[in-house]
C-alpha atoms as a PDB file:
ATOM      1  CA  MET A   1     114.740  23.181 163.844  1.00  0.00           C
ATOM      2  CA  ILE A   2     115.053  26.614 165.590  1.00  0.00           C
ATOM      3  CA  TYR A   3     111.200  27.254 166.100  1.00  0.00           C
ATOM      4  CA  LYS A   4     110.615  23.999 166.939  1.00  0.00           C
ATOM      5  CA  ILE A   5     112.940  24.475 169.922  1.00  0.00           C
ATOM      6  CA  LYS A   6     111.113  27.290 170.805  1.00  0.00           C
ATOM      7  CA  GLU A   7     107.667  26.056 170.373  1.00  0.00           C
ATOM      8  CA  LEU A   8     108.363  22.843 173.066  1.00  0.00           C
ATOM      9  CA  LEU A   9     110.003  25.249 175.416  1.00  0.00           C
ATOM     10  CA  GLY A  10     108.091  28.193 175.592  1.00  0.00           C
ATOM     11  CA  ALA A  11     110.399  30.457 175.903  1.00  0.00           C
ATOM     12  CA  GLY A  12     113.474  32.200 174.160  1.00  0.00           C
ATOM     13  CA  SER A  13     114.033  34.166 170.781  1.00  0.00           C
ATOM     14  CA  VAL A  14     114.889  33.594 167.377  1.00  0.00           C
ATOM     15  CA  GLY A  15     117.193  36.010 164.886  1.00  0.00           C
ATOM     16  CA  PHE A  16     119.069  35.623 161.780  1.00  0.00           C
ATOM     17  CA  ARG A  17     122.779  36.546 161.256  1.00  0.00           C
ATOM     18  CA  MET A  18     124.076  36.104 157.669  1.00  0.00           C
ATOM     19  CA  ASP A  19     123.311  32.520 157.041  1.00  0.00           C
ATOM     20  CA  LYS A  20     122.907  31.693 159.949  1.00  0.00           C
ATOM     21  CA  VAL A  21     119.668  31.183 162.665  1.00  0.00           C
ATOM     22  CA  TYR A  22     120.424  31.009 166.378  1.00  0.00           C
ATOM     23  CA  PHE A  23     118.391  30.687 169.130  1.00  0.00           C
ATOM     24  CA  VAL A  24     119.078  32.465 172.644  1.00  0.00           C
ATOM     25  CA  ILE A  25     117.346  32.191 176.501  1.00  0.00           C
ATOM     26  CA  GLN A  26     119.049  35.418 178.150  1.00  0.00           C
ATOM     27  CA  ASP A  27     116.001  35.487 181.407  1.00  0.00           C
ATOM     28  CA  LYS A  28     117.654  33.719 184.597  1.00  0.00           C
ATOM     29  CA  LYS A  29     114.914  32.913 185.355  1.00  0.00           C
ATOM     30  CA  THR A  30     114.120  30.777 182.805  1.00  0.00           C
ATOM     31  CA  LEU A  31     117.470  28.629 181.854  1.00  0.00           C
ATOM     32  CA  VAL A  32     116.979  28.248 186.126  1.00  0.00           C
ATOM     33  CA  ASN A  33     113.315  26.978 186.428  1.00  0.00           C
ATOM     34  CA  LEU A  34     113.951  25.648 182.263  1.00  0.00           C
ATOM     35  CA  ILE A  35     116.983  24.331 181.299  1.00  0.00           C
ATOM     36  CA  ILE A  36     119.291  23.477 184.070  1.00  0.00           C
ATOM     37  CA  PRO A  37     116.410  20.611 184.824  1.00  0.00           C
ATOM     38  CA  ILE A  38     116.570  19.424 181.297  1.00  0.00           C
ATOM     39  CA  PHE A  39     120.034  19.349 181.512  1.00  0.00           C
ATOM     40  CA  ASP A  40     120.583  17.768 184.672  1.00  0.00           C
ATOM     41  CA  LYS A  41     118.279  15.106 183.382  1.00  0.00           C
ATOM     42  CA  TYR A  42     120.039  14.350 180.109  1.00  0.00           C
ATOM     43  CA  PRO A  43     123.596  15.421 180.827  1.00  0.00           C
ATOM     44  CA  MET A  44     125.573  16.520 177.634  1.00  0.00           C
ATOM     45  CA  LEU A  45     127.446  13.170 176.674  1.00  0.00           C
ATOM     46  CA  THR A  46     130.594  15.402 174.970  1.00  0.00           C
ATOM     47  CA  ASN A  47     133.380  17.617 176.622  1.00  0.00           C
ATOM     48  CA  LYS A  48     131.481  20.417 176.012  1.00  0.00           C
ATOM     49  CA  VAL A  49     129.317  19.507 179.890  1.00  0.00           C
ATOM     50  CA  TYR A  50     132.211  21.087 181.072  1.00  0.00           C
ATOM     51  CA  ASP A  51     131.283  24.446 179.504  1.00  0.00           C
ATOM     52  CA  TYR A  52     127.861  23.669 180.881  1.00  0.00           C
ATOM     53  CA  LEU A  53     128.476  23.001 184.662  1.00  0.00           C
ATOM     54  CA  ARG A  54     130.865  26.243 184.861  1.00  0.00           C
ATOM     55  CA  PHE A  55     127.380  27.980 183.421  1.00  0.00           C
ATOM     56  CA  LYS A  56     125.931  26.628 185.833  1.00  0.00           C
ATOM     57  CA  ASN A  57     127.914  26.927 189.099  1.00  0.00           C
ATOM     58  CA  LEU A  58     128.247  30.708 187.878  1.00  0.00           C
ATOM     59  CA  LEU A  59     124.086  31.382 186.467  1.00  0.00           C
ATOM     60  CA  LEU A  60     123.119  29.689 190.262  1.00  0.00           C
ATOM     61  CA  SER A  61     125.850  31.461 192.287  1.00  0.00           C
ATOM     62  CA  GLY A  62     123.930  35.020 191.906  1.00  0.00           C
ATOM     63  CA  ILE A  63     125.895  36.533 189.989  1.00  0.00           C
ATOM     64  CA  ILE A  64     124.768  39.802 188.103  1.00  0.00           C
ATOM     65  CA  TYR A  65     126.619  42.100 186.671  1.00  0.00           C
ATOM     66  CA  PHE A  66     130.514  41.373 185.001  1.00  0.00           C
ATOM     67  CA  HIS A  67     132.569  42.670 187.099  1.00  0.00           C
ATOM     68  CA  GLU A  68     131.238  40.438 190.421  1.00  0.00           C
ATOM     69  CA  ILE A  69     132.851  36.509 187.975  1.00  0.00           C
ATOM     70  CA  PRO A  70     135.830  35.945 189.824  1.00  0.00           C
ATOM     71  CA  THR A  71     138.907  35.849 188.318  1.00  0.00           C
ATOM     72  CA  THR A  72     139.787  32.612 188.803  1.00  0.00           C
ATOM     73  CA  CYS A  73     136.199  31.705 186.014  1.00  0.00           C
ATOM     74  CA  MET A  74     137.289  34.509 183.985  1.00  0.00           C
ATOM     75  CA  VAL A  75     140.061  32.902 181.931  1.00  0.00           C
ATOM     76  CA  TYR A  76     138.704  29.112 181.126  1.00  0.00           C
ATOM     77  CA  SER A  77     139.452  26.488 178.590  1.00  0.00           C
ATOM     78  CA  ARG A  78     137.868  23.398 178.355  1.00  0.00           C
ATOM     79  CA  PRO A  79     139.567  20.031 179.478  1.00  0.00           C
ATOM     80  CA  LYS A  80     140.363  17.652 177.225  1.00  0.00           C
ATOM     81  CA  ILE A  81     140.063  14.779 179.479  1.00  0.00           C
ATOM     82  CA  PRO A  82     136.786  12.590 178.975  1.00  0.00           C
ATOM     83  CA  LEU A  83     134.175  12.802 182.194  1.00  0.00           C
ATOM     84  CA  ASN A  84     132.195   9.505 180.562  1.00  0.00           C
ATOM     85  CA  SER A  85     134.306   6.451 179.277  1.00  0.00           C
ATOM     86  CA  ILE A  86     133.320   4.619 176.685  1.00  0.00           C
ATOM     87  CA  ALA A  87     130.820   2.037 178.212  1.00  0.00           C
ATOM     88  CA  LEU A  88     129.043   4.597 180.360  1.00  0.00           C
ATOM     89  CA  ILE A  89     128.067   6.562 177.120  1.00  0.00           C
ATOM     90  CA  LEU A  90     126.587   3.189 176.339  1.00  0.00           C
ATOM     91  CA  GLU A  91     124.858   2.330 179.442  1.00  0.00           C
ATOM     92  CA  LYS A  92     122.821   5.876 179.496  1.00  0.00           C
ATOM     93  CA  PRO A  93     119.347   5.875 178.771  1.00  0.00           C
ATOM     94  CA  TYR A  94     119.105   8.165 175.946  1.00  0.00           C
ATOM     95  CA  PHE A  95     122.194   7.741 174.170  1.00  0.00           C
ATOM     96  CA  TYR A  96     120.123   6.744 171.144  1.00  0.00           C
ATOM     97  CA  SER A  97     118.046  10.032 171.298  1.00  0.00           C
ATOM     98  CA  TRP A  98     121.075  11.873 171.691  1.00  0.00           C
ATOM     99  CA  LEU A  99     123.206  10.050 168.954  1.00  0.00           C
ATOM    100  CA  ILE A 100     120.297  10.998 166.396  1.00  0.00           C
ATOM    101  CA  GLY A 101     121.605  14.598 167.293  1.00  0.00           C
ATOM    102  CA  PHE A 102     124.694  14.313 166.866  1.00  0.00           C
ATOM    103  CA  ILE A 103     124.552  12.720 163.204  1.00  0.00           C
ATOM    104  CA  GLU A 104     121.272  15.950 162.682  1.00  0.00           C
ATOM    105  CA  ALA A 105     124.195  18.351 163.308  1.00  0.00           C
ATOM    106  CA  GLU A 106     128.413  16.297 162.985  1.00  0.00           C
ATOM    107  CA  GLY A 107     127.435  12.938 160.735  1.00  0.00           C
ATOM    108  CA  SER A 108     127.291  13.174 156.836  1.00  0.00           C
ATOM    109  CA  PHE A 109     125.530  10.944 153.919  1.00  0.00           C
ATOM    110  CA  ASN A 110     127.199  11.418 150.571  1.00  0.00           C
ATOM    111  CA  VAL A 111     127.556   9.190 147.393  1.00  0.00           C
ATOM    112  CA  TYR A 112     130.700   9.873 145.141  1.00  0.00           C
ATOM    113  CA  LYS A 113     132.808   8.339 142.688  1.00  0.00           C
ATOM    114  CA  GLN A 114     136.044   6.725 143.060  1.00  0.00           C
ATOM    115  CA  GLU A 115     139.164   8.346 141.798  1.00  0.00           C
ATOM    116  CA  ASN A 116     140.200   5.489 139.909  1.00  0.00           C
ATOM    117  CA  ASP A 117     137.720   4.583 138.082  1.00  0.00           C
ATOM    118  CA  SER A 118     133.451   6.093 137.634  1.00  0.00           C
ATOM    119  CA  SER A 119     132.025   3.543 140.263  1.00  0.00           C
ATOM    120  CA  LEU A 120     130.169   5.275 142.676  1.00  0.00           C
ATOM    121  CA  ILE A 121     130.483   5.102 146.393  1.00  0.00           C
ATOM    122  CA  ALA A 122     128.424   5.489 149.359  1.00  0.00           C
ATOM    123  CA  SER A 123     130.034   6.699 152.863  1.00  0.00           C
ATOM    124  CA  PHE A 124     128.782   7.664 155.706  1.00  0.00           C
ATOM    125  CA  SER A 125     131.130   9.574 157.967  1.00  0.00           C
ATOM    126  CA  ILE A 126     131.580  11.764 161.525  1.00  0.00           C
ATOM    127  CA  SER A 127     134.283  12.818 163.385  1.00  0.00           C
ATOM    128  CA  GLN A 128     134.115  15.395 166.839  1.00  0.00           C
ATOM    129  CA  THR A 129     138.499  17.369 168.008  1.00  0.00           C
ATOM    130  CA  ASN A 130     139.092  16.286 171.289  1.00  0.00           C
ATOM    131  CA  GLU A 131     135.854  13.269 172.027  1.00  0.00           C
ATOM    132  CA  TYR A 132     137.696   9.890 170.773  1.00  0.00           C
ATOM    133  CA  ASN A 133     134.981   8.336 172.936  1.00  0.00           C
ATOM    134  CA  ILE A 134     132.330   9.842 171.623  1.00  0.00           C
ATOM    135  CA  ILE A 135     133.215   8.107 168.362  1.00  0.00           C
ATOM    136  CA  ALA A 136     134.561   4.768 169.317  1.00  0.00           C
ATOM    137  CA  ALA A 137     131.130   4.269 171.208  1.00  0.00           C
ATOM    138  CA  ILE A 138     129.267   5.617 168.100  1.00  0.00           C
ATOM    139  CA  SER A 139     131.713   2.345 166.016  1.00  0.00           C
ATOM    140  CA  GLN A 140     130.252   0.190 168.308  1.00  0.00           C
ATOM    141  CA  VAL A 141     126.842   1.093 168.318  1.00  0.00           C
ATOM    142  CA  PHE A 142     127.125   1.056 164.103  1.00  0.00           C
ATOM    143  CA  ASN A 143     129.122  -2.654 165.342  1.00  0.00           C
ATOM    144  CA  PHE A 144     131.964  -0.854 162.122  1.00  0.00           C
ATOM    145  CA  THR A 145     135.650  -2.486 162.698  1.00  0.00           C
ATOM    146  CA  ARG A 146     136.531   0.235 160.898  1.00  0.00           C
ATOM    147  CA  ARG A 147     139.764   2.263 161.671  1.00  0.00           C
ATOM    148  CA  ILE A 148     139.367   5.433 163.584  1.00  0.00           C
ATOM    149  CA  TYR A 149     141.607   8.491 161.779  1.00  0.00           C
ATOM    150  CA  THR A 150     142.442  10.520 164.059  1.00  0.00           C
ATOM    151  CA  ASN A 151     144.332  14.157 162.326  1.00  0.00           C
ATOM    152  CA  LYS A 152     147.818  16.514 164.036  1.00  0.00           C
ATOM    153  CA  GLY A 153     144.393  18.966 165.309  1.00  0.00           C
ATOM    154  CA  GLU A 154     142.713  15.822 167.137  1.00  0.00           C
ATOM    155  CA  ASN A 155     139.817  15.481 165.767  1.00  0.00           C
ATOM    156  CA  HIS A 156     138.264  11.900 164.562  1.00  0.00           C
ATOM    157  CA  LYS A 157     137.026  11.125 162.248  1.00  0.00           C
ATOM    158  CA  LEU A 158     135.026   7.291 161.584  1.00  0.00           C
ATOM    159  CA  LYS A 159     134.400   7.266 157.468  1.00  0.00           C
ATOM    160  CA  ILE A 160     132.583   3.672 155.978  1.00  0.00           C
ATOM    161  CA  THR A 161     131.851   3.100 152.941  1.00  0.00           C
ATOM    162  CA  SER A 162     131.840  -1.574 152.797  1.00  0.00           C
ATOM    163  CA  VAL A 163     128.363  -2.931 152.275  1.00  0.00           C
ATOM    164  CA  ARG A 164     128.853  -4.503 155.450  1.00  0.00           C
ATOM    165  CA  HIS A 165     128.845  -1.032 156.945  1.00  0.00           C
ATOM    166  CA  VAL A 166     126.781   0.624 154.961  1.00  0.00           C
ATOM    167  CA  GLU A 167     124.051  -1.744 156.086  1.00  0.00           C
ATOM    168  CA  ASN A 168     124.510  -1.691 159.595  1.00  0.00           C
ATOM    169  CA  THR A 169     124.090   2.181 159.102  1.00  0.00           C
ATOM    170  CA  ILE A 170     120.328   1.798 157.776  1.00  0.00           C
ATOM    171  CA  LYS A 171     119.872  -0.323 160.198  1.00  0.00           C
ATOM    172  CA  VAL A 172     120.929   1.508 163.126  1.00  0.00           C
ATOM    173  CA  MET A 173     119.275   4.957 161.963  1.00  0.00           C
ATOM    174  CA  GLN A 174     115.995   3.066 160.886  1.00  0.00           C
ATOM    175  CA  LYS A 175     115.523   1.244 164.322  1.00  0.00           C
ATOM    176  CA  ALA A 176     116.499   4.195 166.456  1.00  0.00           C
ATOM    177  CA  PRO A 177     113.016   5.821 168.643  1.00  0.00           C
ATOM    178  CA  ILE A 178     113.637   9.207 167.255  1.00  0.00           C
ATOM    179  CA  LYS A 179     114.794  10.160 163.504  1.00  0.00           C
ATOM    180  CA  LEU A 180     116.428  12.990 161.717  1.00  0.00           C
ATOM    181  CA  LEU A 181     114.216  16.140 161.271  1.00  0.00           C
ATOM    182  CA  GLY A 182     116.017  18.848 159.951  1.00  0.00           C
ATOM    183  CA  TYR A 183     118.201  18.670 156.682  1.00  0.00           C
ATOM    184  CA  LYS A 184     120.542  15.940 157.605  1.00  0.00           C
ATOM    185  CA  ARG A 185     117.072  13.886 157.013  1.00  0.00           C
ATOM    186  CA  LEU A 186     116.785  14.660 153.471  1.00  0.00           C
ATOM    187  CA  GLN A 187     120.112  14.168 152.927  1.00  0.00           C
ATOM    188  CA  TYR A 188     119.823  10.091 154.292  1.00  0.00           C
ATOM    189  CA  LEU A 189     116.287   9.572 151.834  1.00  0.00           C
ATOM    190  CA  LEU A 190     118.183  11.369 148.756  1.00  0.00           C
ATOM    191  CA  TRP A 191     121.475   8.783 150.078  1.00  0.00           C
ATOM    192  CA  LEU A 192     119.545   5.639 150.234  1.00  0.00           C
ATOM    193  CA  LYS A 193     117.541   7.565 147.126  1.00  0.00           C
ATOM    194  CA  GLU A 194     121.754   6.925 145.475  1.00  0.00           C
ATOM    195  CA  LEU A 195     121.990   3.291 147.188  1.00  0.00           C
ATOM    196  CA  ARG A 196     119.042   1.525 145.494  1.00  0.00           C
ATOM    197  CA  LYS A 197     120.841   2.553 141.427  1.00  0.00           C
ATOM    198  CA  ILE A 198     124.229   1.152 142.948  1.00  0.00           C
ATOM    199  CA  PRO A 199     124.351  -3.211 142.741  1.00  0.00           C
ATOM    200  CA  ARG A 200     127.320  -2.788 144.963  1.00  0.00           C
ATOM    201  CA  TYR A 201     124.944  -1.796 147.621  1.00  0.00           C
ATOM    202  CA  ALA A 202     121.331  -2.711 146.178  1.00  0.00           C
ATOM    203  CA  LYS A 203     122.071  -6.178 145.438  1.00  0.00           C
ATOM    204  CA  LYS A 204     123.242  -6.790 149.212  1.00  0.00           C
ATOM    205  CA  ILE A 205     121.039  -5.253 151.203  1.00  0.00           C
ATOM    206  CA  ASN A 206     117.403  -4.046 151.447  1.00  0.00           C
ATOM    207  CA  ILE A 207     117.067  -0.843 151.599  1.00  0.00           C
ATOM    208  CA  PRO A 208     114.411   0.532 153.549  1.00  0.00           C
ATOM    209  CA  THR A 209     111.972   2.756 151.620  1.00  0.00           C
ATOM    210  CA  VAL A 210     110.192   5.157 153.569  1.00  0.00           C
ATOM    211  CA  TYR A 211     112.050   6.317 157.283  1.00  0.00           C
END
């Protein structure tokens, strides 16, 4: 995935640290001429957009040395008030493409045994901290009626297991304009394979054999 991004952008470098791989662009001209236009055309939907706006402002201000950064910008804490309402998120023409990327990073397809018996349950879950609007928008797209769970740390989580919700998940995943490309693609394919073995789902859902 990282090398694919590097290939598409035609810039940057790839590195490895422990069990992680990272991609970085540090050249200012490349950041201004290549990266800024991308994020201006396709604004981020989470509150990370605050980080981007701060980054863009400092990048375009002509600052060269660290000591030139204004003291007001040195201490930064990402605001928790969302810039995007649920309706505005869903109106974005690139939302479904963004959604697949978000699922690639934050979604999870699982099959597990219930505690009280040996029957198998399939689940799809996704969560994000301080981003209720994002999770609520996703819930609407999938037509979930399941309540969003919020813990004390303001992590908003959505988890579904019912036959109807699993079916809704499959429909959205299959119709999305782009497909999962990384490890999450394998996880989704194995999830579909397991669904075919569980009567609870296999008898009521038309489970696709191709993704």
